[in-house]
Protein backbone atom coordinates (compact mmCIF):
# COMPACT_ATOMS: atom_id res chain seq x y z
CA UNK A 1 11.24 24.42 15.99
CA UNK A 2 10.55 20.83 15.06
CA UNK A 3 8.00 20.11 12.34
CA UNK A 4 4.70 18.29 12.60
CA UNK A 5 5.87 15.36 10.47
CA UNK A 6 8.93 14.82 12.67
CA UNK A 7 6.97 14.98 15.94
CA UNK A 8 4.27 12.67 14.60
CA UNK A 9 6.86 10.13 13.42
CA UNK A 10 8.62 10.19 16.78
CA UNK A 11 5.31 9.68 18.62
CA UNK A 12 4.50 6.77 16.34
CA UNK A 13 7.87 5.14 17.04
CA UNK A 14 7.40 5.54 20.79
CA UNK A 15 3.99 3.86 20.58
CA UNK A 16 5.51 1.03 18.55
CA UNK A 17 8.21 0.53 21.20
CA UNK A 18 5.58 0.68 23.95
CA UNK A 19 3.64 -2.16 22.29
CA UNK A 20 6.73 -4.36 21.97
CA UNK A 21 8.07 -4.06 25.52
CA UNK A 22 7.02 -6.37 28.32
CA UNK A 23 7.85 -3.77 30.99
CA UNK A 24 4.55 -2.10 31.84
CA UNK A 25 6.20 0.89 33.57
CA UNK A 26 8.39 1.59 30.54
CA UNK A 27 5.40 1.16 28.25
CA UNK A 28 3.40 3.71 30.26
CA UNK A 29 6.26 6.22 30.11
CA UNK A 30 6.66 5.77 26.35
CA UNK A 31 2.92 6.24 25.81
CA UNK A 32 2.98 9.37 27.97
CA UNK A 33 5.89 10.82 25.98
CA UNK A 34 4.12 9.97 22.71
CA UNK A 35 1.06 11.86 23.93
CA UNK A 36 3.26 14.87 24.77
CA UNK A 37 4.77 14.84 21.28
CA UNK A 38 1.32 14.51 19.71
CA UNK A 39 0.04 17.51 21.68
CA UNK A 40 3.04 19.53 20.44
CA UNK A 41 2.39 18.47 16.84
CA UNK A 42 -1.38 19.10 16.77
CA UNK A 43 -1.34 22.93 16.60
CA UNK A 44 1.34 22.96 13.87
CA UNK A 45 0.43 23.29 10.17
CA UNK A 46 0.20 20.02 8.23
CA UNK A 47 3.12 20.92 5.98
CA UNK A 48 6.41 22.07 7.43
CA UNK A 49 6.88 25.71 6.46
CA UNK A 50 10.64 26.04 6.45
CA UNK A 51 12.40 29.01 4.91
CA UNK A 52 12.93 28.86 1.15
CA UNK A 53 16.20 29.51 -0.59
CA UNK A 54 16.47 33.13 -1.81
CA UNK A 55 16.92 32.02 -5.44
CA UNK A 56 13.64 30.09 -5.58
CA UNK A 57 10.95 31.61 -7.79
CA UNK A 58 7.52 30.02 -7.12
CA UNK A 59 5.98 28.37 -10.18
CA UNK A 60 9.12 28.56 -12.33
CA UNK A 61 11.03 25.41 -13.30
CA UNK A 62 14.83 25.59 -13.17
CA UNK A 63 15.07 25.43 -16.98
CA UNK A 64 12.61 28.32 -17.36
CA UNK A 65 14.46 30.87 -15.24
CA UNK A 66 15.66 33.91 -17.14
CA UNK A 67 19.01 35.58 -16.70
CA UNK A 68 18.91 39.22 -15.52
């Protein structure tokens, strides 16, 4: 699944392209696609919650890890 930051960035780029084109039909399609991406991004959490590496200990700096 794509993250909120990615979808938001893509929507922003589509809107930027829509503003720069002189083709009104293309502009309308780009704006429509940007709206679709925005609607996909809205229900997602603000921070992407990807899986963490199995060796990551929350709150411990790499130099502080102890050997077992």
